N, C-alpha and C. Protein backbone atom coordinates (compact mmCIF):
# COMPACT_ATOMS: atom_id res chain seq x y z
N MET A 1 91.68 70.97 88.88
CA MET A 1 92.67 71.60 89.56
C MET A 1 93.86 71.73 88.46
N VAL A 2 94.30 72.98 88.61
CA VAL A 2 95.53 73.40 87.76
C VAL A 2 96.64 73.02 88.47
N ASP A 3 97.59 72.29 87.69
CA ASP A 3 98.91 71.70 88.15
C ASP A 3 99.98 73.07 88.10
N ILE A 4 100.69 73.12 89.17
CA ILE A 4 101.82 74.13 89.18
C ILE A 4 102.69 74.23 87.93
N ALA A 5 103.17 72.79 87.56
CA ALA A 5 104.03 72.63 86.41
C ALA A 5 103.50 73.25 85.23
N THR A 6 102.02 73.20 85.07
CA THR A 6 101.37 73.89 83.96
C THR A 6 101.68 75.31 84.02
N LEU A 7 101.33 76.05 85.00
CA LEU A 7 101.43 77.50 85.17
C LEU A 7 102.96 77.98 85.02
N PHE A 8 103.74 77.22 85.54
CA PHE A 8 105.25 77.54 85.70
C PHE A 8 106.12 76.34 85.04
N PRO A 9 106.04 76.41 83.71
CA PRO A 9 106.75 75.12 83.21
C PRO A 9 108.22 75.10 83.39
N ASN A 10 108.90 76.27 83.85
CA ASN A 10 110.43 76.44 84.01
C ASN A 10 110.56 76.44 85.46
N GLY A 11 109.64 76.14 86.24
CA GLY A 11 109.74 76.14 87.75
C GLY A 11 109.54 77.48 88.25
N ILE A 12 109.58 77.46 89.70
CA ILE A 12 109.23 78.91 90.32
C ILE A 12 110.45 79.49 90.87
N ALA A 13 111.65 78.82 90.94
CA ALA A 13 112.82 79.26 91.74
C ALA A 13 113.21 80.57 91.21
N HIS A 14 113.36 81.01 89.85
CA HIS A 14 113.97 82.05 89.42
C HIS A 14 112.83 83.29 89.89
N TYR A 15 111.58 83.01 89.95
CA TYR A 15 110.63 83.95 90.23
C TYR A 15 110.65 84.33 91.68
N ALA A 16 111.14 83.35 92.68
CA ALA A 16 111.10 83.41 94.02
C ALA A 16 112.54 84.28 94.41
N LEU A 17 113.55 83.87 93.48
CA LEU A 17 114.74 84.57 93.72
C LEU A 17 114.62 86.19 93.31
N GLY A 18 113.96 86.29 92.26
CA GLY A 18 113.76 87.73 91.87
C GLY A 18 112.96 88.38 92.88
N GLY A 19 111.83 87.88 93.44
CA GLY A 19 111.03 88.41 94.44
C GLY A 19 111.95 88.89 95.65
N LEU A 20 112.78 87.89 96.07
CA LEU A 20 113.84 88.05 97.08
C LEU A 20 114.70 89.24 96.90
N PHE A 21 115.16 89.33 95.68
CA PHE A 21 116.08 90.56 95.41
C PHE A 21 115.27 91.80 95.50
N ILE A 22 114.03 91.78 94.84
CA ILE A 22 113.41 93.14 94.83
C ILE A 22 113.05 93.47 96.38
N GLY A 23 112.54 92.53 97.10
CA GLY A 23 112.38 92.81 98.63
C GLY A 23 113.45 93.22 99.38
N VAL A 24 114.53 92.67 99.23
CA VAL A 24 115.72 93.03 99.96
C VAL A 24 116.27 94.37 99.38
N GLY A 25 116.14 94.53 98.10
CA GLY A 25 116.40 95.95 97.65
C GLY A 25 115.76 97.09 98.17
N ALA A 26 114.25 96.87 98.31
CA ALA A 26 113.42 97.82 98.75
C ALA A 26 113.77 98.04 100.20
N ALA A 27 113.98 97.01 100.80
CA ALA A 27 114.28 97.24 102.39
C ALA A 27 115.50 97.80 102.63
N VAL A 28 116.63 97.67 101.88
CA VAL A 28 117.91 98.32 101.98
C VAL A 28 117.87 99.98 101.66
N ILE A 29 117.11 100.09 100.68
CA ILE A 29 116.73 101.56 100.28
C ILE A 29 115.98 102.40 101.37
N TYR A 30 114.99 101.77 101.96
CA TYR A 30 114.32 102.09 102.88
C TYR A 30 114.84 102.25 104.22
N LEU A 31 115.47 101.26 104.64
CA LEU A 31 116.50 101.33 106.01
C LEU A 31 117.60 102.47 105.93
N GLY A 32 118.04 102.42 104.58
CA GLY A 32 119.26 103.42 104.38
C GLY A 32 118.72 104.88 104.25
N THR A 33 117.69 105.06 103.77
CA THR A 33 117.30 106.46 103.48
C THR A 33 116.06 106.86 104.04
N GLY A 34 115.21 105.87 104.38
CA GLY A 34 113.92 106.44 104.71
C GLY A 34 112.90 106.59 103.63
N ILE A 35 113.35 106.43 102.32
CA ILE A 35 112.50 106.77 101.14
C ILE A 35 111.99 105.37 100.55
N ILE A 36 110.79 105.28 100.18
CA ILE A 36 110.16 103.98 99.51
C ILE A 36 110.73 104.07 98.33
N ALA A 37 111.08 102.71 97.88
CA ALA A 37 111.77 102.44 96.54
C ALA A 37 110.71 102.27 95.58
N GLY A 38 110.13 103.51 94.98
CA GLY A 38 109.19 103.53 93.84
C GLY A 38 109.93 103.84 92.49
N ALA A 39 109.88 103.07 91.55
CA ALA A 39 110.66 103.24 90.37
C ALA A 39 110.16 104.51 89.63
N SER A 40 109.01 104.69 89.51
CA SER A 40 108.54 105.93 89.07
C SER A 40 108.83 107.20 89.54
N THR A 41 109.22 107.26 90.93
CA THR A 41 109.96 108.51 91.54
C THR A 41 111.40 108.47 91.27
N PHE A 42 111.92 107.35 91.04
CA PHE A 42 113.23 107.35 90.84
C PHE A 42 113.57 107.99 89.35
N LEU A 43 112.65 107.48 88.49
CA LEU A 43 112.74 108.17 87.06
C LEU A 43 112.43 109.52 87.10
N GLU A 44 111.66 109.97 87.91
CA GLU A 44 111.33 111.45 87.93
C GLU A 44 112.37 112.22 88.48
N SER A 45 113.13 111.69 89.55
CA SER A 45 114.32 112.46 89.97
C SER A 45 115.38 112.46 89.05
N SER A 46 115.56 111.46 88.33
CA SER A 46 116.47 111.41 87.32
C SER A 46 116.35 112.37 86.31
N LEU A 47 115.12 112.57 86.04
CA LEU A 47 114.68 113.78 84.88
C LEU A 47 115.15 115.10 85.39
N SER A 48 115.41 115.33 86.66
CA SER A 48 115.74 116.63 87.14
C SER A 48 117.04 116.96 86.47
N TYR A 49 117.97 116.00 86.16
CA TYR A 49 119.16 116.52 85.42
C TYR A 49 119.01 117.17 84.08
N VAL A 50 118.01 116.86 83.29
CA VAL A 50 117.72 117.28 81.97
C VAL A 50 116.47 118.32 81.77
N SER A 51 115.68 118.53 82.73
CA SER A 51 114.55 119.13 82.64
C SER A 51 114.50 120.38 83.71
N ARG A 52 113.95 121.42 83.26
CA ARG A 52 113.85 122.58 84.14
C ARG A 52 112.32 122.58 84.57
N LEU A 53 111.57 121.73 84.37
CA LEU A 53 110.02 121.66 84.71
C LEU A 53 110.13 121.60 86.44
N PRO A 54 109.29 122.44 86.92
CA PRO A 54 109.30 122.47 88.43
C PRO A 54 108.84 120.96 89.01
N ARG A 55 108.15 120.29 88.37
CA ARG A 55 107.56 118.90 88.72
C ARG A 55 108.89 118.02 89.02
N PHE A 56 109.89 118.26 88.11
CA PHE A 56 111.23 117.21 88.34
C PHE A 56 112.15 118.05 89.19
N ASN A 57 112.07 119.15 89.57
CA ASN A 57 113.13 119.84 90.41
C ASN A 57 112.64 120.22 91.81
N GLN A 58 111.75 119.16 92.47
CA GLN A 58 111.50 119.55 93.75
C GLN A 58 112.65 119.17 94.56
N GLY A 59 112.53 119.83 95.79
CA GLY A 59 113.95 119.61 96.78
C GLY A 59 114.00 118.26 97.02
N LYS A 60 112.77 117.41 97.28
CA LYS A 60 113.12 116.19 97.49
C LYS A 60 113.84 115.20 96.70
N TYR A 61 113.51 115.66 95.34
CA TYR A 61 114.20 114.90 94.27
C TYR A 61 115.70 115.50 94.04
N LEU A 62 116.07 116.70 94.14
CA LEU A 62 117.30 117.31 93.82
C LEU A 62 118.32 116.74 95.09
N GLN A 63 117.64 116.53 96.23
CA GLN A 63 118.81 116.22 97.38
C GLN A 63 119.13 114.69 97.37
N SER A 64 118.22 113.79 96.51
CA SER A 64 118.55 112.52 96.54
C SER A 64 118.70 111.85 95.19
N ARG A 65 118.94 112.72 94.15
CA ARG A 65 118.91 112.25 92.67
C ARG A 65 120.23 111.60 92.40
N ASP A 66 121.12 111.78 93.02
CA ASP A 66 122.46 111.16 92.66
C ASP A 66 122.27 109.59 92.81
N TRP A 67 121.92 109.16 94.15
CA TRP A 67 121.92 107.78 94.31
C TRP A 67 120.57 107.24 93.65
N ARG A 68 119.53 108.02 93.28
CA ARG A 68 118.36 107.57 92.62
C ARG A 68 118.70 107.16 91.07
N VAL A 69 119.61 107.94 90.59
CA VAL A 69 120.02 107.86 89.18
C VAL A 69 120.71 106.40 89.06
N VAL A 70 121.50 106.18 90.06
CA VAL A 70 122.36 105.04 90.27
C VAL A 70 121.27 103.83 90.24
N PHE A 71 120.28 103.80 90.96
CA PHE A 71 119.14 102.90 91.07
C PHE A 71 118.62 102.59 89.69
N THR A 72 118.24 103.69 89.08
CA THR A 72 117.64 103.76 87.64
C THR A 72 118.45 102.98 86.64
N LEU A 73 119.67 103.47 86.63
CA LEU A 73 120.88 102.74 85.80
C LEU A 73 120.91 101.37 86.23
N GLY A 74 120.82 100.99 87.41
CA GLY A 74 120.86 99.44 87.77
C GLY A 74 119.81 98.72 87.13
N ILE A 75 118.59 99.30 86.98
CA ILE A 75 117.44 98.59 86.28
C ILE A 75 117.92 98.32 84.90
N VAL A 76 118.42 99.35 84.13
CA VAL A 76 118.96 99.15 82.69
C VAL A 76 120.11 98.08 82.79
N GLY A 77 121.15 98.31 83.76
CA GLY A 77 122.17 97.52 83.80
C GLY A 77 121.90 96.23 83.98
N GLY A 78 120.93 95.80 84.84
CA GLY A 78 120.48 94.34 85.14
C GLY A 78 120.09 93.59 83.84
N ALA A 79 119.36 94.37 83.06
CA ALA A 79 118.91 93.88 81.68
C ALA A 79 120.12 93.66 80.75
N ALA A 80 120.88 94.61 80.83
CA ALA A 80 122.22 94.38 79.92
C ALA A 80 123.02 93.33 80.53
N LEU A 81 123.29 93.15 81.60
CA LEU A 81 123.99 91.88 82.39
C LEU A 81 123.38 90.59 82.05
N TYR A 82 122.01 90.52 82.03
CA TYR A 82 121.15 89.32 81.80
C TYR A 82 121.67 89.01 80.26
N THR A 83 121.45 90.06 79.37
CA THR A 83 121.97 89.85 77.92
C THR A 83 123.33 89.23 77.66
N VAL A 84 124.25 89.94 78.42
CA VAL A 84 125.66 89.41 78.49
C VAL A 84 125.91 88.07 78.82
N LEU A 85 125.24 87.60 80.05
CA LEU A 85 125.26 86.36 80.64
C LEU A 85 124.40 85.31 79.94
N PHE A 86 123.36 85.53 79.35
CA PHE A 86 122.52 84.49 78.67
C PHE A 86 122.48 84.78 77.24
N GLY A 87 122.82 85.70 76.69
CA GLY A 87 122.95 86.02 75.16
C GLY A 87 121.35 86.07 74.79
N ASP A 88 120.58 86.35 75.42
CA ASP A 88 119.15 86.44 75.00
C ASP A 88 118.61 87.77 75.01
N TRP A 89 118.72 88.70 74.09
CA TRP A 89 118.38 90.13 74.22
C TRP A 89 116.67 90.37 74.09
N TRP A 90 116.27 89.50 73.34
CA TRP A 90 114.91 89.69 73.29
C TRP A 90 113.99 88.27 73.83
N THR A 91 113.60 88.66 74.97
CA THR A 91 112.93 87.47 75.70
C THR A 91 111.33 87.23 75.57
N THR A 92 110.71 87.93 74.61
CA THR A 92 109.37 87.76 74.37
C THR A 92 109.08 87.78 72.93
N ASP A 93 107.63 87.27 72.71
CA ASP A 93 107.31 86.99 71.25
C ASP A 93 106.49 88.34 70.83
N VAL A 94 106.31 89.24 72.11
CA VAL A 94 105.39 90.44 71.63
C VAL A 94 106.20 91.40 70.81
N GLN A 95 105.64 91.97 69.78
CA GLN A 95 106.14 92.95 68.81
C GLN A 95 106.55 94.23 69.56
N TRP A 96 107.77 95.02 69.19
CA TRP A 96 108.24 96.11 69.76
C TRP A 96 107.38 97.04 69.88
N TRP A 97 106.39 97.23 69.01
CA TRP A 97 105.34 98.21 68.98
C TRP A 97 104.32 98.03 70.09
N ARG A 98 104.07 96.89 70.32
CA ARG A 98 102.94 96.70 71.38
C ARG A 98 103.76 96.90 72.73
N LEU A 99 105.06 96.61 72.75
CA LEU A 99 105.73 96.68 74.09
C LEU A 99 105.84 98.32 74.35
N LEU A 100 106.20 99.13 73.31
CA LEU A 100 106.20 100.47 73.46
C LEU A 100 104.83 101.17 73.77
N GLY A 101 103.75 100.65 73.17
CA GLY A 101 102.38 100.91 73.38
C GLY A 101 102.16 100.77 75.02
N GLY A 102 102.23 99.53 75.16
CA GLY A 102 101.98 98.98 76.70
C GLY A 102 103.01 99.98 77.61
N GLY A 103 104.13 100.42 77.28
CA GLY A 103 105.02 100.83 78.16
C GLY A 103 104.46 102.50 78.32
N ILE A 104 104.01 102.98 77.38
CA ILE A 104 103.28 104.61 77.44
C ILE A 104 102.05 104.24 78.13
N LEU A 105 101.40 103.07 78.16
CA LEU A 105 99.98 103.09 78.99
C LEU A 105 100.49 103.06 80.30
N VAL A 106 101.41 102.07 80.72
CA VAL A 106 101.87 102.12 81.92
C VAL A 106 102.60 103.40 82.63
N GLY A 107 103.21 104.15 81.62
CA GLY A 107 103.41 105.41 82.36
C GLY A 107 102.57 106.39 82.48
N VAL A 108 101.30 106.34 81.92
CA VAL A 108 100.22 107.21 82.03
C VAL A 108 99.58 106.53 83.40
N GLY A 109 99.31 105.29 83.54
CA GLY A 109 98.69 104.82 84.71
C GLY A 109 99.57 105.08 85.79
N THR A 110 100.96 105.16 85.83
CA THR A 110 101.66 105.35 86.89
C THR A 110 101.34 106.88 87.46
N ARG A 111 101.23 107.81 86.44
CA ARG A 111 100.94 109.20 87.04
C ARG A 111 99.44 109.21 87.64
N LEU A 112 98.43 108.64 86.97
CA LEU A 112 97.38 108.61 87.44
C LEU A 112 97.05 108.16 88.82
N GLY A 113 97.76 106.77 89.10
CA GLY A 113 97.77 106.31 90.18
C GLY A 113 98.72 106.70 91.39
N LYS A 114 99.57 107.79 90.99
CA LYS A 114 100.60 108.48 91.91
C LYS A 114 101.63 107.41 92.29
N GLY A 115 101.97 106.57 91.59
CA GLY A 115 102.95 105.78 91.98
C GLY A 115 102.82 104.35 91.07
N CYS A 116 103.80 103.42 91.07
CA CYS A 116 103.80 102.42 90.35
C CYS A 116 103.85 101.00 91.22
N THR A 117 103.76 99.88 90.26
CA THR A 117 103.85 98.75 91.15
C THR A 117 105.04 98.46 92.29
N SER A 118 106.02 99.03 91.96
CA SER A 118 107.15 98.81 92.80
C SER A 118 106.92 99.70 94.11
N GLY A 119 106.51 100.73 93.99
CA GLY A 119 106.13 101.77 95.14
C GLY A 119 105.07 101.15 95.92
N HIS A 120 103.88 100.94 95.12
CA HIS A 120 102.60 100.61 95.78
C HIS A 120 102.67 99.03 96.30
N GLY A 121 102.96 98.31 95.22
CA GLY A 121 102.81 96.87 95.48
C GLY A 121 103.83 96.36 96.28
N VAL A 122 105.14 96.73 96.21
CA VAL A 122 106.20 96.02 97.12
C VAL A 122 106.13 96.69 98.41
N CYS A 123 106.16 98.16 98.39
CA CYS A 123 106.47 98.83 99.49
C CYS A 123 105.25 99.32 100.29
N GLY A 124 104.28 99.69 99.53
CA GLY A 124 102.96 100.26 99.97
C GLY A 124 102.24 99.10 100.59
N VAL A 125 102.04 98.03 99.96
CA VAL A 125 101.24 96.84 100.57
C VAL A 125 102.04 96.27 101.74
N GLY A 126 103.26 96.26 101.54
CA GLY A 126 104.22 95.76 102.80
C GLY A 126 103.93 96.48 103.88
N SER A 127 103.62 97.71 104.00
CA SER A 127 103.45 98.55 104.97
C SER A 127 102.05 98.86 105.35
N ALA A 128 101.16 98.17 104.66
CA ALA A 128 99.64 98.14 104.99
C ALA A 128 99.08 99.39 104.56
N SER A 129 99.43 100.25 103.68
CA SER A 129 98.95 101.66 103.23
C SER A 129 97.54 101.18 102.55
N PRO A 130 96.51 101.91 103.04
CA PRO A 130 95.27 101.73 102.38
C PRO A 130 95.30 102.29 100.92
N THR A 131 96.03 103.32 100.77
CA THR A 131 95.94 103.69 99.19
C THR A 131 96.73 102.79 98.45
N SER A 132 97.70 102.32 98.85
CA SER A 132 98.44 101.43 98.14
C SER A 132 97.51 100.07 97.86
N ILE A 133 96.98 99.65 98.82
CA ILE A 133 96.36 98.36 98.60
C ILE A 133 95.07 98.61 97.62
N VAL A 134 94.49 99.65 97.73
CA VAL A 134 93.41 100.11 96.69
C VAL A 134 94.05 100.03 95.35
N ASN A 135 95.24 100.67 95.40
CA ASN A 135 95.65 100.99 93.90
C ASN A 135 96.20 99.48 93.31
N VAL A 136 96.83 98.81 94.23
CA VAL A 136 97.31 97.27 93.71
C VAL A 136 95.98 96.67 93.20
N ALA A 137 94.92 96.59 94.06
CA ALA A 137 93.74 95.84 93.70
C ALA A 137 93.16 96.43 92.35
N THR A 138 93.19 97.65 92.14
CA THR A 138 92.75 98.23 90.82
C THR A 138 93.81 97.77 89.93
N PHE A 139 95.10 97.91 89.89
CA PHE A 139 96.11 97.44 89.07
C PHE A 139 95.67 95.90 88.69
N MET A 140 95.52 95.11 89.36
CA MET A 140 95.35 93.66 89.22
C MET A 140 93.76 93.55 88.41
N ALA A 141 92.81 94.12 88.87
CA ALA A 141 91.69 94.06 88.25
C ALA A 141 91.79 94.40 86.94
N VAL A 142 92.19 95.52 86.46
CA VAL A 142 92.44 95.93 85.26
C VAL A 142 93.19 95.00 84.31
N ALA A 143 94.44 94.74 84.88
CA ALA A 143 95.25 93.72 84.32
C ALA A 143 94.45 92.35 83.96
N ILE A 144 93.72 91.87 84.91
CA ILE A 144 93.25 90.51 84.73
C ILE A 144 91.93 90.86 83.68
N GLY A 145 91.15 91.86 83.69
CA GLY A 145 90.30 92.22 82.72
C GLY A 145 90.74 92.45 81.36
N THR A 146 91.70 93.02 81.23
CA THR A 146 92.47 93.29 79.93
C THR A 146 93.02 91.89 79.47
N ALA A 147 93.51 91.09 80.10
CA ALA A 147 94.19 89.80 79.69
C ALA A 147 92.82 88.95 79.15
N GLN A 148 91.84 89.01 80.01
CA GLN A 148 90.73 88.36 79.47
C GLN A 148 90.09 88.72 78.38
N LEU A 149 90.02 90.16 78.02
CA LEU A 149 89.49 90.72 76.65
C LEU A 149 90.31 90.47 75.42
N VAL A 150 91.77 90.56 75.60
CA VAL A 150 92.66 90.14 74.68
C VAL A 150 92.47 88.88 74.44
N GLN A 151 92.35 87.89 75.35
CA GLN A 151 92.26 86.33 75.02
C GLN A 151 90.99 86.26 74.23
N ALA A 152 89.89 87.00 74.83
CA ALA A 152 88.36 86.56 73.79
C ALA A 152 88.60 87.11 72.69
N LEU A 153 89.20 88.15 72.33
CA LEU A 153 89.26 88.84 71.08
C LEU A 153 90.43 88.10 70.04
N GLY A 154 91.17 87.02 70.63
CA GLY A 154 91.96 86.08 69.99
C GLY A 154 93.27 86.75 69.61
N VAL A 155 93.66 87.96 70.24
CA VAL A 155 94.72 88.65 70.01
C VAL A 155 96.10 87.82 70.32
N VAL A 156 96.98 87.58 69.66
CA VAL A 156 98.02 86.97 70.08
C VAL A 156 99.46 87.75 69.88
N PRO A 157 100.49 87.41 70.50
CA PRO A 157 101.84 88.22 70.49
C PRO A 157 102.11 88.63 69.07
């Protein structure tokens, strides 16, 4: 049997606190606006400021883009605040180019899955959406399979 301390050597309190903040934030946005708090949609609506593409200039995005851009900036601001408070601006051993490649793949997957883990995983599963449940199961299966493949190939950060 695996010991929890082995899986979480730094404890689980900060993960639980982060999950609580995410859940409360999603609930506040939904209760205040009736809009599901998916980060990919928030990013798309923010792109309406700089793009003339019809995809980014739909009425639903234009009507709510001001507060959505504040949300998007809050994600970046949270990372900046962490850096200021803890002085640790690089928290991983993974090379920047791998993070960039992973970010691009996540962006492609977000478009293919019609949403991201915050929209499907936090809000969609929480509201028992069959589409979101299937998408999250797919996200997890691919992530687990990829992690197992990478480990089997001996790839390290």
